[in-house]
């Protein structure tokens, strides 16, 4: 079964974590893409709040989980 990406692709994860040997520019581009996706997440939260609050609760459980 294929796996969906969340906010970061596998390549983004590798670049941001330093596991990929890439230039600072490539790392910055990955950070910028992720930041843009986080901004889009606000719209997704609004849609879930209105149309599927149970899914929003699941999202909050994952994102807001405290250690």
Protein backbone atom coordinates (compact mmCIF):
# COMPACT_ATOMS: atom_id res chain seq x y z
CA UNK A 1 0.00 0.00 0.00
CA UNK A 2 1.41 3.41 -0.93
CA UNK A 3 1.95 5.93 1.78
CA UNK A 4 0.74 9.52 1.54
CA UNK A 5 3.02 12.34 2.54
CA UNK A 6 2.09 14.62 5.36
CA UNK A 7 3.53 18.12 5.35
CA UNK A 8 6.97 16.92 4.27
CA UNK A 9 8.02 14.61 1.48
CA UNK A 10 10.72 12.03 2.12
CA UNK A 11 13.16 14.30 0.27
CA UNK A 12 12.12 17.29 2.42
CA UNK A 13 12.72 15.25 5.57
CA UNK A 14 16.18 14.22 4.40
CA UNK A 15 17.17 17.74 3.36
CA UNK A 16 15.89 19.43 6.52
CA UNK A 17 17.32 16.79 8.86
CA UNK A 18 20.73 16.97 7.20
CA UNK A 19 20.65 13.34 6.07
CA UNK A 20 20.82 14.45 2.43
CA UNK A 21 24.07 15.96 1.23
CA UNK A 22 22.62 19.08 -0.38
CA UNK A 23 23.52 22.74 -0.58
CA UNK A 24 22.19 25.27 1.89
CA UNK A 25 20.04 26.63 -0.94
CA UNK A 26 18.35 23.25 -1.47
CA UNK A 27 17.79 22.94 2.29
CA UNK A 28 16.29 26.46 2.36
CA UNK A 29 13.97 25.59 -0.55
CA UNK A 30 12.71 22.53 1.33
CA UNK A 31 12.07 24.64 4.43
CA UNK A 32 10.19 27.19 2.32
CA UNK A 33 7.99 24.48 0.75
CA UNK A 34 7.12 23.07 4.16
CA UNK A 35 6.36 26.54 5.53
CA UNK A 36 3.98 27.12 2.59
CA UNK A 37 2.20 23.84 3.30
CA UNK A 38 1.79 24.79 6.96
CA UNK A 39 0.09 28.02 5.85
CA UNK A 40 -2.28 25.98 3.63
CA UNK A 41 -3.05 23.77 6.60
CA UNK A 42 -5.00 26.67 8.11
CA UNK A 43 -7.55 26.34 5.30
CA UNK A 44 -7.75 22.60 5.83
CA UNK A 45 -8.44 23.14 9.53
CA UNK A 46 -11.29 25.52 8.69
CA UNK A 47 -12.85 22.97 6.33
CA UNK A 48 -12.52 20.17 8.88
CA UNK A 49 -13.97 22.34 11.65
CA UNK A 50 -17.06 23.00 9.57
CA UNK A 51 -17.54 19.67 7.82
CA UNK A 52 -15.79 16.93 9.81
CA UNK A 53 -14.91 17.93 13.38
CA UNK A 54 -13.99 14.35 14.28
CA UNK A 55 -11.13 14.42 11.76
CA UNK A 56 -10.05 17.77 13.14
CA UNK A 57 -9.89 16.21 16.60
CA UNK A 58 -7.68 13.42 15.21
CA UNK A 59 -5.39 15.99 13.62
CA UNK A 60 -5.15 17.93 16.87
CA UNK A 61 -4.35 14.75 18.78
CA UNK A 62 -1.36 14.14 16.51
CA UNK A 63 -0.13 17.71 16.18
CA UNK A 64 -0.73 18.83 19.74
CA UNK A 65 0.49 15.65 21.45
CA UNK A 66 2.62 16.60 24.42
CA UNK A 67 5.63 14.59 25.49
